[in-house]
Protein backbone atom coordinates (compact mmCIF):
# COMPACT_ATOMS: atom_id res chain seq x y z
CA MET A 1 -0.56 -3.33 -26.36
CA VAL A 2 0.56 -6.19 -24.45
CA VAL A 3 -1.62 -9.03 -24.43
CA ASN A 4 -1.65 -12.32 -22.33
CA PRO A 5 -3.22 -14.77 -25.19
CA VAL A 6 -4.27 -17.31 -22.52
CA LYS A 7 -6.47 -14.91 -21.05
CA VAL A 8 -8.20 -13.45 -24.07
CA ASP A 9 -8.62 -13.89 -27.93
CA PRO A 10 -6.01 -11.70 -29.18
CA ASP A 11 -7.40 -11.32 -32.59
CA GLU A 12 -10.81 -10.17 -31.36
CA LEU A 13 -9.12 -7.86 -29.04
CA ARG A 14 -6.94 -6.44 -31.71
CA GLU A 15 -10.11 -5.63 -33.68
CA THR A 16 -11.86 -3.98 -30.86
CA VAL A 17 -9.22 -2.07 -29.56
CA ASN A 18 -7.79 -0.66 -33.03
CA GLY A 19 -11.30 0.15 -34.00
CA ALA A 20 -11.92 2.20 -30.79
CA LEU A 21 -8.59 4.01 -30.95
CA ALA A 22 -9.11 4.95 -34.60
CA ALA A 23 -12.35 6.37 -33.87
CA ALA A 24 -10.96 8.67 -31.19
CA GLY A 25 -8.22 9.79 -33.71
CA TRP A 26 -5.40 7.55 -32.12
CA PRO A 27 -2.87 5.58 -34.37
CA GLU A 28 -2.81 1.87 -34.37
CA PRO A 29 -0.86 0.55 -31.23
CA LEU A 30 2.21 -1.68 -31.50
CA TRP A 31 1.01 -5.42 -30.50
CA TYR A 32 3.06 -7.76 -28.38
CA GLU A 33 1.98 -11.16 -26.81
CA THR A 34 3.29 -12.65 -23.63
CA THR A 35 4.74 -15.99 -23.54
CA VAL A 36 5.76 -18.53 -20.80
CA ASP A 37 9.31 -17.54 -20.90
CA ASP A 38 8.43 -13.68 -20.88
CA PRO A 39 5.17 -13.02 -19.21
CA GLY A 40 5.21 -9.17 -20.12
CA ARG A 41 8.41 -7.40 -19.02
CA GLY A 42 10.45 -7.96 -22.23
CA GLN A 43 7.44 -6.70 -24.44
CA ALA A 44 6.82 -3.69 -22.15
CA LEU A 45 10.55 -2.81 -22.53
CA ARG A 46 10.60 -2.89 -26.22
CA ALA A 47 7.56 -0.91 -26.20
CA VAL A 48 9.31 1.92 -24.06
CA GLU A 49 12.08 1.79 -26.33
CA GLU A 50 10.00 2.29 -29.19
CA GLY A 51 8.84 5.62 -27.48
CA VAL A 52 5.17 4.98 -26.63
CA ASP A 53 3.23 7.17 -24.43
CA VAL A 54 0.67 4.48 -23.19
CA LEU A 55 1.01 0.88 -22.67
CA PHE A 56 -2.20 -0.90 -22.70
CA VAL A 57 -2.08 -4.30 -20.64
CA CYS A 58 -4.63 -7.21 -20.95
CA GLY A 59 -4.17 -10.09 -18.82
CA GLY A 60 -4.28 -10.90 -15.04
CA ASP A 61 -2.32 -9.55 -12.13
CA GLY A 62 0.84 -11.45 -13.10
CA THR A 63 0.82 -9.96 -16.72
CA VAL A 64 0.36 -6.35 -15.08
CA MET A 65 2.90 -6.92 -12.50
CA SER A 66 5.63 -8.00 -15.29
CA CYS A 67 4.58 -5.20 -17.37
CA MET A 68 4.67 -2.59 -14.68
CA SER A 69 8.35 -3.70 -13.57
CA ALA A 70 9.69 -2.09 -17.05
CA LEU A 71 7.83 1.10 -16.54
CA VAL A 72 8.52 2.02 -12.98
CA GLY A 73 10.49 5.26 -13.13
CA THR A 74 9.54 6.11 -16.79
CA GLU A 75 6.87 8.67 -17.99
CA VAL A 76 5.06 5.74 -19.83
CA ALA A 77 1.55 5.47 -18.42
CA MET A 78 -0.16 1.94 -17.68
CA ALA A 79 -3.65 1.40 -19.12
CA VAL A 80 -5.09 -1.76 -17.46
CA LEU A 81 -7.58 -3.86 -19.53
CA PRO A 82 -8.41 -6.67 -16.88
CA GLY A 83 -8.53 -10.19 -18.40
CA GLY A 84 -7.74 -12.34 -15.50
CA THR A 85 -9.31 -13.73 -12.32
CA GLY A 86 -7.74 -11.36 -9.78
CA ASN A 87 -7.39 -8.11 -11.45
CA LEU A 88 -6.78 -6.76 -7.93
CA LEU A 89 -4.99 -3.49 -8.96
CA ALA A 90 -8.08 -2.56 -11.02
CA ALA A 91 -10.52 -3.36 -8.33
CA ASN A 92 -8.51 -1.28 -5.68
CA LEU A 93 -8.51 1.67 -7.99
CA GLY A 94 -12.07 1.40 -9.29
CA LEU A 95 -11.23 0.62 -12.81
CA SER A 96 -13.94 -1.07 -14.60
CA THR A 97 -13.37 -4.75 -15.97
CA ASP A 98 -15.52 -3.75 -19.19
CA LEU A 99 -12.97 -3.41 -22.13
CA ALA A 100 -14.83 -0.33 -23.36
CA ALA A 101 -14.54 1.44 -20.31
CA GLY A 102 -10.86 0.56 -20.08
CA ILE A 103 -9.95 1.98 -23.58
CA GLU A 104 -12.14 5.11 -22.88
CA VAL A 105 -10.14 5.69 -19.64
CA ALA A 106 -6.87 5.82 -21.57
CA ILE A 107 -8.39 8.05 -24.16
CA GLU A 108 -9.46 10.52 -21.61
CA ARG A 109 -6.01 10.83 -20.42
CA GLY A 110 -6.71 10.88 -16.72
CA ARG A 111 -3.47 9.90 -14.67
CA ARG A 112 -2.38 8.94 -11.29
CA LEU A 113 0.99 8.62 -10.02
CA LEU A 114 1.15 5.43 -7.74
CA ASP A 115 4.03 4.06 -5.40
CA VAL A 116 5.18 0.71 -6.06
CA GLY A 117 6.67 -1.91 -3.54
CA GLU A 118 10.14 -3.39 -4.31
CA VAL A 119 11.36 -6.70 -3.55
CA ASP A 120 14.92 -7.76 -4.63
CA GLY A 121 14.68 -5.87 -7.67
CA ARG A 122 11.13 -6.92 -8.45
CA TYR A 123 7.89 -4.70 -7.99
CA PHE A 124 4.55 -4.98 -6.71
CA ALA A 125 1.56 -2.51 -6.97
CA VAL A 126 -0.99 -4.67 -4.70
CA MET A 127 0.75 -6.91 -2.24
CA ALA A 128 3.64 -9.07 -1.34
CA GLY A 129 3.16 -11.94 1.21
CA MET A 130 4.67 -14.66 3.02
CA GLY A 131 3.03 -17.77 4.61
CA PHE A 132 -0.62 -18.49 4.30
CA ASP A 133 -1.53 -16.35 1.42
CA ALA A 134 1.26 -17.98 -0.75
CA LYS A 135 0.10 -21.39 0.19
CA MET A 136 -3.39 -20.49 -0.65
CA LEU A 137 -2.24 -19.50 -4.25
CA GLU A 138 -0.12 -22.49 -4.48
CA ALA A 139 -3.15 -24.77 -3.66
CA THR A 140 -5.48 -22.75 -6.24
CA SER A 141 -5.68 -24.57 -9.60
CA GLU A 142 -5.91 -22.67 -12.87
CA THR A 143 -8.76 -24.91 -13.97
CA THR A 144 -10.75 -24.02 -10.95
CA LYS A 145 -10.14 -20.37 -11.22
CA ALA A 146 -11.15 -20.47 -14.84
CA ARG A 147 -14.35 -22.33 -13.88
CA ILE A 148 -15.57 -20.44 -10.94
CA GLY A 149 -13.61 -17.18 -10.62
CA TRP A 150 -11.97 -15.78 -7.61
CA PRO A 151 -14.07 -18.34 -5.06
CA ALA A 152 -11.53 -20.78 -6.38
CA TYR A 153 -9.13 -19.30 -3.81
CA ILE A 154 -11.53 -20.10 -0.90
CA VAL A 155 -10.83 -23.65 -1.89
CA GLY A 156 -7.01 -23.21 -1.80
CA ALA A 157 -7.30 -21.40 1.40
CA ALA A 158 -9.31 -24.03 3.16
CA ARG A 159 -6.55 -26.84 2.57
CA HIS A 160 -4.01 -24.67 4.90
CA LEU A 161 -6.28 -23.29 7.68
CA ARG A 162 -4.82 -25.89 10.14
CA ASP A 163 -1.27 -25.44 9.20
CA ARG A 164 1.14 -24.70 12.02
CA PRO A 165 2.31 -21.02 12.28
CA MET A 166 5.60 -19.72 11.46
CA ARG A 167 7.84 -17.76 13.91
CA VAL A 168 8.78 -14.61 12.48
CA THR A 169 11.02 -11.48 12.98
CA ILE A 170 9.72 -8.21 11.70
CA ARG A 171 11.46 -5.07 11.37
CA LEU A 172 9.83 -1.79 10.41
CA ASP A 173 11.92 1.05 9.15
CA ASP A 174 14.76 1.44 12.10
CA GLN A 175 12.43 0.30 14.89
CA PRO A 176 13.30 -2.68 17.19
CA PRO A 177 12.40 -6.03 15.68
CA MET A 178 9.14 -7.74 16.92
CA ARG A 179 8.64 -11.50 17.18
CA ARG A 180 5.29 -13.09 16.48
CA ARG A 181 3.80 -16.43 15.53
CA ALA A 182 1.98 -15.82 12.42
CA ARG A 183 0.08 -17.62 9.80
CA THR A 184 0.88 -15.05 7.31
CA VAL A 185 2.39 -11.53 6.94
CA LEU A 186 0.99 -9.31 3.92
CA ILE A 187 3.02 -6.06 2.91
CA ALA A 188 0.46 -4.00 0.99
CA ASN A 189 0.24 -0.98 -1.25
CA VAL A 190 -3.51 -1.08 -1.36
CA GLY A 191 -6.17 -2.54 0.88
CA ARG A 192 -8.62 -4.95 -1.23
CA LEU A 193 -8.65 -8.61 -1.52
CA GLN A 194 -10.21 -11.05 -3.92
CA GLY A 195 -14.05 -10.66 -3.85
CA GLY A 196 -14.00 -6.96 -2.90
CA VAL A 197 -13.22 -7.54 0.78
CA LYS A 198 -11.29 -4.68 2.22
CA LEU A 199 -8.70 -5.92 4.58
CA LEU A 200 -6.70 -2.56 5.26
CA THR A 201 -8.95 0.31 5.34
CA GLU A 202 -6.26 3.01 5.37
CA ALA A 203 -3.88 1.74 2.85
CA GLU A 204 -3.58 4.10 -0.35
CA PRO A 205 -1.37 3.42 -3.37
CA ASP A 206 0.10 7.05 -3.19
CA ASP A 207 0.57 7.73 0.43
CA GLY A 208 4.40 6.79 0.60
CA ARG A 209 4.05 3.97 2.99
CA LEU A 210 3.44 0.13 3.04
CA ASP A 211 0.53 -1.33 5.09
CA VAL A 212 1.55 -4.33 6.95
CA ALA A 213 -0.94 -6.90 8.10
CA VAL A 214 0.20 -9.59 10.54
CA LEU A 215 -2.41 -12.53 10.98
CA THR A 216 -2.02 -14.54 14.07
CA PRO A 217 -5.11 -16.83 14.28
CA ARG A 218 -4.34 -20.02 16.12
CA ASN A 219 -7.09 -22.10 15.37
CA LEU A 220 -10.20 -22.58 12.85
CA ARG A 221 -12.54 -20.48 15.28
CA HIS A 222 -10.02 -17.75 15.34
CA TRP A 223 -10.01 -17.79 11.25
CA LEU A 224 -13.80 -17.68 11.33
CA SER A 225 -13.61 -14.59 13.67
CA LEU A 226 -11.20 -12.85 11.64
CA GLY A 227 -12.82 -13.39 8.57
CA TRP A 228 -16.19 -12.16 9.83
CA ALA A 229 -14.59 -8.93 11.31
CA VAL A 230 -13.00 -8.23 7.95
CA VAL A 231 -16.22 -8.90 5.89
CA ARG A 232 -18.17 -6.57 8.42
CA ARG A 233 -15.50 -4.07 8.11
CA ARG A 234 -14.99 -3.79 11.79
CA ASP A 235 -12.36 -1.30 13.17
CA ARG A 236 -10.60 -4.05 15.30
CA VAL A 237 -10.02 -7.32 13.76
CA PRO A 238 -9.04 -10.22 16.27
CA GLY A 239 -6.15 -12.08 15.29
CA MET A 240 -4.59 -9.34 13.00
CA GLU A 241 -2.18 -6.47 13.85
CA VAL A 242 -1.58 -3.51 11.26
CA PHE A 243 1.63 -1.51 10.97
CA ARG A 244 2.85 1.24 8.43
CA ALA A 245 6.49 1.55 7.30
CA ARG A 246 8.66 2.63 4.22
CA ARG A 247 10.85 -0.38 4.76
CA VAL A 248 9.61 -3.84 5.89
CA GLN A 249 11.89 -7.07 6.79
CA ILE A 250 10.36 -10.13 7.57
CA VAL A 251 12.52 -13.26 8.67
CA SER A 252 11.09 -16.81 9.46
CA ASN A 253 12.41 -19.67 11.48
CA ARG A 254 11.96 -21.92 8.23
CA PRO A 255 11.49 -21.31 4.52
CA GLN A 256 8.03 -20.02 3.26
CA PRO A 257 6.12 -19.79 0.22
CA ARG A 258 6.18 -16.20 -0.80
CA GLU A 259 4.23 -14.02 -3.49
CA LEU A 260 4.14 -10.91 -5.38
CA ASP A 261 0.68 -9.58 -6.72
CA GLY A 262 -0.64 -13.12 -6.75
CA ASP A 263 2.32 -14.64 -8.36
CA LEU A 264 4.49 -17.22 -6.56
CA ILE A 265 7.99 -16.40 -6.32
CA GLU A 266 10.74 -18.80 -5.04
CA PRO A 267 10.42 -19.87 -1.27
CA GLY A 268 12.67 -18.38 1.39
CA ARG A 269 13.07 -17.22 4.86
CA ALA A 270 13.06 -13.51 4.51
CA LEU A 271 11.03 -11.02 2.73
CA ARG A 272 12.33 -7.58 2.59
CA ALA A 273 10.13 -4.83 0.74
CA GLU A 274 10.74 -1.09 0.46
CA ILE A 275 8.32 1.66 -1.08
CA ARG A 276 9.21 3.37 -4.28
CA PRO A 277 7.21 6.58 -4.08
CA GLY A 278 5.63 8.05 -7.20
CA ALA A 279 7.06 5.36 -9.43
CA LEU A 280 4.56 4.39 -11.76
CA TRP A 281 1.88 6.17 -13.92
CA LEU A 282 -1.56 4.57 -14.33
CA CYS A 283 -4.48 5.58 -16.31
CA VAL A 284 -7.59 6.34 -14.42
CA PRO A 285 -10.84 7.96 -14.71
CA ARG A 286 -10.57 12.07 -14.38
CA PRO A 287 -11.81 12.92 -10.92
CA GLU A 288 -14.19 15.33 -12.31
CA GLN A 289 -15.73 12.62 -14.20
CA ALA A 290 -15.70 10.17 -11.32
CA PRO A 291 -17.74 11.38 -8.26
CA ASP A 292 -18.83 7.84 -7.66
CA LEU A 293 -16.84 4.89 -8.98
CA ALA A 294 -19.59 2.49 -9.55
CA GLU A 295 -21.53 5.15 -11.55
CA ASP A 296 -18.28 6.22 -13.31
CA ALA A 297 -17.47 2.72 -14.62
CA ASP A 298 -20.94 2.33 -16.11
CA ALA A 299 -20.75 5.80 -17.81
CA VAL A 300 -17.11 5.24 -19.16
CA ALA A 301 -18.25 1.77 -20.28
CA ARG A 302 -21.03 3.25 -22.52
CA ARG A 303 -18.88 5.98 -24.08
CA GLY A 304 -16.35 3.11 -24.86
CA GLU A 305 -19.16 0.94 -26.31
CA ARG A 306 -20.04 4.06 -28.66
CA LEU A 307 -16.61 4.42 -29.85
CA ILE A 308 -16.39 0.71 -30.83
CA ASP A 309 -19.68 0.90 -32.46
CA GLU A 310 -18.76 3.93 -34.53
CA ALA A 311 -15.43 2.26 -35.50
CA ALA A 312 -17.86 -0.89 -36.53
CA GLY A 313 -19.99 1.25 -38.47
CA GLU A 314 -17.05 2.73 -40.52
């Protein structure tokens, strides 16, 4: 278990998880807490060296991304126990935000082999971005996120709607380069954004491709039209082009903010990403037990709660 102590109460979590796993006949897990200097990768590497089968990760998208980087290419499965504001990987794969449900999913041993994206030796499971999306993250305070949740990103976004676009050259695989005046370019492994908004309807985390969204709204009215079309799930979204590729290279005319899975990385003029197919095992509900994601989340949560109640009774 790797836990971000800023996001949850580690002692309370330890009691709940240990009790639920004991009730299911599992041994007590190893416990690691993240730090400012090491947000999860080092702890996950130590767990892999210990020979674990499953790595529980409790935290936000940043904690998940850090731990994931140590599991890529291994047989260790990651079980996500969402504890942050975004938790986009969990949302995209229909994983419940309920703690009991997350524990039960791992116990049932349902697994899915996912692709991941790679940027300069770092990995992402959700999205990488350059431009507006990274500016939005930069402008969103942790205090506001803690107070109101994901709508805090809307406040951050509003501050940059009128920023001037960047001139970018985009190269997909071995195709000729394209030139655009874009507000942001997203390189996605999955399609869902904050608040459940589905930006890329065909993106799948195990299709061997990255989906690339180039957003080109020129003014506030264009932003509103784009947002309305996305919310309404229209087939054609004004001000947005979508491409697919195994390798993506974006070069801007000036340095831009950049992000991986919701965490800011150092600004730069380029963002180069490549797909790593079938690189990460993730604990997910078994298909035969999940005909409907919403119904499955409730059912799994109830089973997990029973395990916790049984452990408490003992």
